[in-house]
Amino acid sequence: MTTTDRSRRTFLQASGATLAVSLAAGCLGGGDDSSGNGDSDNGGNGDNGDGDTGNGDAGEEYDFGDWFDNTGNYDGVEDHTGEDEVTVMVGTGSSGYEYSPAAIAVDSGTTVVWEWTGDGGGHDVVADGGSFESELQTSEGDTFEYTFDDTGTYEYYCDPHVSMGMKGAVVVE
């Protein structure tokens, strides 16, 4: 073996050891889980049967886990507390595969009305926990409504387009 070969081998071994230590440090390092994924102290994204994931007041940050990871228009929770009725548009965005707004906060007793735009083909509104479900609708102006009496977080989706990120959430306080 030549001196050059030994130098290369030594360099590669040292590089490999450095990489292994770096990877181990990344795996073992602490962190504040600021990615929003995983469970939080207030229940994370787990469903306890009533749609409640333990999120609190409209002014605080909400943890939906990975629910909105592939949803293009989610940019936080719109506060609609104090309103008796709130409208969420169905079939929005350039593709027609979004709910707008994607997430809202409302008071207990509020009725949410989903109104179809007619874009993006047939859509529905299906609660992830099964507490409500609309028919598949296609026409502009079609509506579906549900009154939220119990506090909690209710995640919902469009069954034909859930893989495309057509998802939403209602936080009831």
C-alpha atoms as a PDB file:
ATOM      1  CA  MET A   1       0.000   0.000   0.000  1.00  0.00           C
ATOM      2  CA  THR A   2       1.383   3.400  -0.965  1.00  0.00           C
ATOM      3  CA  THR A   3       1.604   6.441   1.262  1.00  0.00           C
ATOM      4  CA  THR A   4      -1.138   8.114  -0.790  1.00  0.00           C
ATOM      5  CA  ASP A   5      -3.442   5.110  -0.304  1.00  0.00           C
ATOM      6  CA  ARG A   6      -2.783   5.143   3.464  1.00  0.00           C
ATOM      7  CA  SER A   7      -3.518   8.883   3.609  1.00  0.00           C
ATOM      8  CA  ARG A   8      -6.787   8.404   1.722  1.00  0.00           C
ATOM      9  CA  ARG A   9      -7.800   5.493   3.934  1.00  0.00           C
ATOM     10  CA  THR A  10      -7.001   7.480   7.104  1.00  0.00           C
ATOM     11  CA  PHE A  11      -8.954  10.465   5.782  1.00  0.00           C
ATOM     12  CA  LEU A  12     -11.976   8.300   4.886  1.00  0.00           C
ATOM     13  CA  GLN A  13     -11.928   6.579   8.278  1.00  0.00           C
ATOM     14  CA  ALA A  14     -11.750   9.921  10.089  1.00  0.00           C
ATOM     15  CA  SER A  15     -14.529  11.350   7.911  1.00  0.00           C
ATOM     16  CA  GLY A  16     -16.715   8.312   8.547  1.00  0.00           C
ATOM     17  CA  ALA A  17     -16.177   8.549  12.292  1.00  0.00           C
ATOM     18  CA  THR A  18     -17.016  12.269  12.257  1.00  0.00           C
ATOM     19  CA  LEU A  19     -20.192  11.590  10.279  1.00  0.00           C
ATOM     20  CA  ALA A  20     -21.231   8.810  12.665  1.00  0.00           C
ATOM     21  CA  VAL A  21     -20.719  11.068  15.696  1.00  0.00           C
ATOM     22  CA  SER A  22     -22.696  13.863  14.010  1.00  0.00           C
ATOM     23  CA  LEU A  23     -25.587  11.550  13.182  1.00  0.00           C
ATOM     24  CA  ALA A  24     -25.641  10.119  16.692  1.00  0.00           C
ATOM     25  CA  ALA A  25     -25.656  13.616  18.188  1.00  0.00           C
ATOM     26  CA  GLY A  26     -28.606  14.573  15.982  1.00  0.00           C
ATOM     27  CA  CYS A  27     -30.542  11.480  17.026  1.00  0.00           C
ATOM     28  CA  LEU A  28     -29.746  11.782  20.712  1.00  0.00           C
ATOM     29  CA  GLY A  29     -29.959  15.539  21.033  1.00  0.00           C
ATOM     30  CA  GLY A  30     -32.790  17.084  22.998  1.00  0.00           C
ATOM     31  CA  GLY A  31     -35.048  19.593  21.408  1.00  0.00           C
ATOM     32  CA  ASP A  32     -38.268  21.372  21.914  1.00  0.00           C
ATOM     33  CA  ASP A  33     -40.143  19.533  19.159  1.00  0.00           C
ATOM     34  CA  SER A  34     -40.846  22.874  17.539  1.00  0.00           C
ATOM     35  CA  SER A  35     -41.845  21.081  14.349  1.00  0.00           C
ATOM     36  CA  GLY A  36     -45.304  20.637  15.823  1.00  0.00           C
ATOM     37  CA  ASN A  37     -45.283  16.906  15.189  1.00  0.00           C
ATOM     38  CA  GLY A  38     -45.927  14.349  17.850  1.00  0.00           C
ATOM     39  CA  ASP A  39     -47.887  14.558  21.030  1.00  0.00           C
ATOM     40  CA  SER A  40     -47.797  17.634  23.206  1.00  0.00           C
ATOM     41  CA  ASP A  41     -48.596  17.996  26.860  1.00  0.00           C
ATOM     42  CA  ASN A  42     -52.137  19.020  25.964  1.00  0.00           C
ATOM     43  CA  GLY A  43     -53.011  15.922  23.996  1.00  0.00           C
ATOM     44  CA  GLY A  44     -51.229  16.458  20.690  1.00  0.00           C
ATOM     45  CA  ASN A  45     -53.229  15.202  17.763  1.00  0.00           C
ATOM     46  CA  GLY A  46     -54.739  12.169  19.475  1.00  0.00           C
ATOM     47  CA  ASP A  47     -58.460  11.613  19.287  1.00  0.00           C
ATOM     48  CA  ASN A  48     -60.158  10.679  22.539  1.00  0.00           C
ATOM     49  CA  GLY A  49     -63.393   9.720  20.832  1.00  0.00           C
ATOM     50  CA  ASP A  50     -65.134  13.083  20.839  1.00  0.00           C
ATOM     51  CA  GLY A  51     -62.862  14.841  18.353  1.00  0.00           C
ATOM     52  CA  ASP A  52     -61.009  16.709  21.135  1.00  0.00           C
ATOM     53  CA  THR A  53     -57.274  17.030  20.752  1.00  0.00           C
ATOM     54  CA  GLY A  54     -56.838  19.231  23.793  1.00  0.00           C
ATOM     55  CA  ASN A  55     -56.155  22.594  22.172  1.00  0.00           C
ATOM     56  CA  GLY A  56     -57.065  25.692  24.138  1.00  0.00           C
ATOM     57  CA  ASP A  57     -57.762  29.383  23.653  1.00  0.00           C
ATOM     58  CA  ALA A  58     -57.922  31.073  20.259  1.00  0.00           C
ATOM     59  CA  GLY A  59     -54.941  33.291  21.130  1.00  0.00           C
ATOM     60  CA  GLU A  60     -52.523  30.431  21.665  1.00  0.00           C
ATOM     61  CA  GLU A  61     -50.624  28.295  19.185  1.00  0.00           C
ATOM     62  CA  TYR A  62     -52.451  25.143  18.083  1.00  0.00           C
ATOM     63  CA  ASP A  63     -50.829  21.755  17.618  1.00  0.00           C
ATOM     64  CA  PHE A  64     -52.467  19.701  14.879  1.00  0.00           C
ATOM     65  CA  GLY A  65     -49.542  17.284  14.668  1.00  0.00           C
ATOM     66  CA  ASP A  66     -49.008  16.383  11.019  1.00  0.00           C
ATOM     67  CA  TRP A  67     -52.662  16.959  10.008  1.00  0.00           C
ATOM     68  CA  PHE A  68     -51.884  19.941   7.765  1.00  0.00           C
ATOM     69  CA  ASP A  69     -48.496  18.745   6.441  1.00  0.00           C
ATOM     70  CA  ASN A  70     -49.713  18.410   2.832  1.00  0.00           C
ATOM     71  CA  THR A  71     -52.309  21.185   2.986  1.00  0.00           C
ATOM     72  CA  GLY A  72     -51.147  24.137   0.910  1.00  0.00           C
ATOM     73  CA  ASN A  73     -53.345  26.889   2.334  1.00  0.00           C
ATOM     74  CA  TYR A  74     -53.060  26.281   6.096  1.00  0.00           C
ATOM     75  CA  ASP A  75     -51.546  29.392   7.670  1.00  0.00           C
ATOM     76  CA  GLY A  76     -52.917  29.292  11.192  1.00  0.00           C
ATOM     77  CA  VAL A  77     -56.266  29.306  12.935  1.00  0.00           C
ATOM     78  CA  GLU A  78     -58.722  32.110  12.131  1.00  0.00           C
ATOM     79  CA  ASP A  79     -60.477  33.335  15.250  1.00  0.00           C
ATOM     80  CA  HIS A  80     -64.247  33.378  14.761  1.00  0.00           C
ATOM     81  CA  THR A  81     -65.177  33.215  18.429  1.00  0.00           C
ATOM     82  CA  GLY A  82     -68.137  35.413  19.256  1.00  0.00           C
ATOM     83  CA  GLU A  83     -69.927  34.573  15.994  1.00  0.00           C
ATOM     84  CA  ASP A  84     -73.103  32.469  15.888  1.00  0.00           C
ATOM     85  CA  GLU A  85     -72.459  31.196  12.349  1.00  0.00           C
ATOM     86  CA  VAL A  86     -69.250  30.869  10.330  1.00  0.00           C
ATOM     87  CA  THR A  87     -68.938  29.984   6.623  1.00  0.00           C
ATOM     88  CA  VAL A  88     -66.101  27.836   5.255  1.00  0.00           C
ATOM     89  CA  MET A  89     -65.798  27.747   1.473  1.00  0.00           C
ATOM     90  CA  VAL A  90     -65.359  24.325  -0.180  1.00  0.00           C
ATOM     91  CA  GLY A  91     -63.376  23.967  -3.410  1.00  0.00           C
ATOM     92  CA  THR A  92     -61.178  27.042  -3.190  1.00  0.00           C
ATOM     93  CA  GLY A  93     -57.631  27.773  -4.324  1.00  0.00           C
ATOM     94  CA  SER A  94     -56.205  27.573  -7.810  1.00  0.00           C
ATOM     95  CA  SER A  95     -56.800  23.817  -7.910  1.00  0.00           C
ATOM     96  CA  GLY A  96     -60.237  23.853  -6.293  1.00  0.00           C
ATOM     97  CA  TYR A  97     -59.023  21.364  -3.641  1.00  0.00           C
ATOM     98  CA  GLU A  98     -59.016  23.512  -0.504  1.00  0.00           C
ATOM     99  CA  TYR A  99     -61.272  24.608   2.333  1.00  0.00           C
ATOM    100  CA  SER A 100     -61.055  28.305   3.109  1.00  0.00           C
ATOM    101  CA  PRO A 101     -60.207  29.086   5.783  1.00  0.00           C
ATOM    102  CA  ALA A 102     -58.453  25.807   6.535  1.00  0.00           C
ATOM    103  CA  ALA A 103     -58.775  26.137  10.329  1.00  0.00           C
ATOM    104  CA  ILE A 104     -61.100  28.178  12.511  1.00  0.00           C
ATOM    105  CA  ALA A 105     -61.737  28.698  16.220  1.00  0.00           C
ATOM    106  CA  VAL A 106     -65.350  29.081  17.331  1.00  0.00           C
ATOM    107  CA  ASP A 107     -67.370  29.072  20.534  1.00  0.00           C
ATOM    108  CA  SER A 108     -69.459  26.137  21.666  1.00  0.00           C
ATOM    109  CA  GLY A 109     -72.899  26.379  20.045  1.00  0.00           C
ATOM    110  CA  THR A 110     -71.602  27.905  16.801  1.00  0.00           C
ATOM    111  CA  THR A 111     -72.927  26.601  13.494  1.00  0.00           C
ATOM    112  CA  VAL A 112     -70.359  26.123  10.746  1.00  0.00           C
ATOM    113  CA  VAL A 113     -71.720  26.259   7.206  1.00  0.00           C
ATOM    114  CA  TRP A 114     -69.607  24.768   4.420  1.00  0.00           C
ATOM    115  CA  GLU A 115     -70.503  26.355   1.079  1.00  0.00           C
ATOM    116  CA  TRP A 116     -69.429  24.853  -2.237  1.00  0.00           C
ATOM    117  CA  THR A 117     -67.817  27.033  -4.907  1.00  0.00           C
ATOM    118  CA  GLY A 118     -68.445  24.524  -7.690  1.00  0.00           C
ATOM    119  CA  ASP A 119     -64.684  24.263  -8.418  1.00  0.00           C
ATOM    120  CA  GLY A 120     -62.565  21.123  -8.242  1.00  0.00           C
ATOM    121  CA  GLY A 121     -65.282  18.553  -8.909  1.00  0.00           C
ATOM    122  CA  GLY A 122     -67.243  16.732  -6.217  1.00  0.00           C
ATOM    123  CA  HIS A 123     -66.327  17.402  -2.587  1.00  0.00           C
ATOM    124  CA  ASP A 124     -67.616  16.397   0.800  1.00  0.00           C
ATOM    125  CA  VAL A 125     -66.905  17.236   4.430  1.00  0.00           C
ATOM    126  CA  VAL A 126     -66.061  14.227   6.621  1.00  0.00           C
ATOM    127  CA  ALA A 127     -65.102  14.497  10.303  1.00  0.00           C
ATOM    128  CA  ASP A 128     -61.987  12.482  11.071  1.00  0.00           C
ATOM    129  CA  GLY A 129     -63.666  11.080  14.192  1.00  0.00           C
ATOM    130  CA  GLY A 130     -66.972  10.407  12.398  1.00  0.00           C
ATOM    131  CA  SER A 131     -69.075  13.002  14.232  1.00  0.00           C
ATOM    132  CA  PHE A 132     -70.378  14.598  11.006  1.00  0.00           C
ATOM    133  CA  GLU A 133     -70.392  13.915   7.267  1.00  0.00           C
ATOM    134  CA  SER A 134     -71.916  15.658   4.278  1.00  0.00           C
ATOM    135  CA  GLU A 135     -73.066  14.216   0.997  1.00  0.00           C
ATOM    136  CA  LEU A 136     -70.768  14.525  -2.020  1.00  0.00           C
ATOM    137  CA  GLN A 137     -71.701  17.888  -3.581  1.00  0.00           C
ATOM    138  CA  THR A 138     -70.712  19.497  -6.896  1.00  0.00           C
ATOM    139  CA  SER A 139     -72.828  22.601  -7.440  1.00  0.00           C
ATOM    140  CA  GLU A 140     -71.937  26.163  -6.563  1.00  0.00           C
ATOM    141  CA  GLY A 141     -74.030  27.314  -3.616  1.00  0.00           C
ATOM    142  CA  ASP A 142     -74.605  23.841  -2.128  1.00  0.00           C
ATOM    143  CA  THR A 143     -74.243  23.909   1.653  1.00  0.00           C
ATOM    144  CA  PHE A 144     -73.785  21.633   4.628  1.00  0.00           C
ATOM    145  CA  GLU A 145     -73.980  22.791   8.218  1.00  0.00           C
ATOM    146  CA  TYR A 146     -73.104  21.403  11.610  1.00  0.00           C
ATOM    147  CA  THR A 147     -73.524  22.954  15.058  1.00  0.00           C
ATOM    148  CA  PHE A 148     -70.608  22.327  17.389  1.00  0.00           C
ATOM    149  CA  ASP A 149     -71.935  21.942  20.934  1.00  0.00           C
ATOM    150  CA  ASP A 150     -68.957  20.185  22.536  1.00  0.00           C
ATOM    151  CA  THR A 151     -65.544  21.781  23.015  1.00  0.00           C
ATOM    152  CA  GLY A 152     -62.593  20.165  21.284  1.00  0.00           C
ATOM    153  CA  THR A 153     -60.763  20.054  17.993  1.00  0.00           C
ATOM    154  CA  TYR A 154     -62.533  18.528  15.023  1.00  0.00           C
ATOM    155  CA  GLU A 155     -60.380  17.676  12.035  1.00  0.00           C
ATOM    156  CA  TYR A 156     -62.141  17.004   8.747  1.00  0.00           C
ATOM    157  CA  TYR A 157     -61.341  16.211   5.125  1.00  0.00           C
ATOM    158  CA  CYS A 158     -62.723  15.728   1.635  1.00  0.00           C
ATOM    159  CA  ASP A 159     -62.854  11.970   1.088  1.00  0.00           C
ATOM    160  CA  PRO A 160     -62.055  12.039  -2.663  1.00  0.00           C
ATOM    161  CA  HIS A 161     -59.234  14.589  -2.208  1.00  0.00           C
ATOM    162  CA  VAL A 162     -57.716  13.917   1.228  1.00  0.00           C
ATOM    163  CA  SER A 163     -54.504  12.632  -0.392  1.00  0.00           C
ATOM    164  CA  MET A 164     -54.221  16.013  -2.131  1.00  0.00           C
ATOM    165  CA  GLY A 165     -54.284  17.796   1.228  1.00  0.00           C
ATOM    166  CA  MET A 166     -57.920  18.898   1.227  1.00  0.00           C
ATOM    167  CA  LYS A 167     -58.263  19.065   5.016  1.00  0.00           C
ATOM    168  CA  GLY A 168     -59.553  21.451   7.636  1.00  0.00           C
ATOM    169  CA  ALA A 169     -60.127  21.862  11.356  1.00  0.00           C
ATOM    170  CA  VAL A 170     -62.614  23.492  13.694  1.00  0.00           C
ATOM    171  CA  VAL A 171     -61.443  24.295  17.235  1.00  0.00           C
ATOM    172  CA  VAL A 172     -64.423  24.682  19.564  1.00  0.00           C
ATOM    173  CA  GLU A 173     -63.779  26.559  22.795  1.00  0.00           C
END
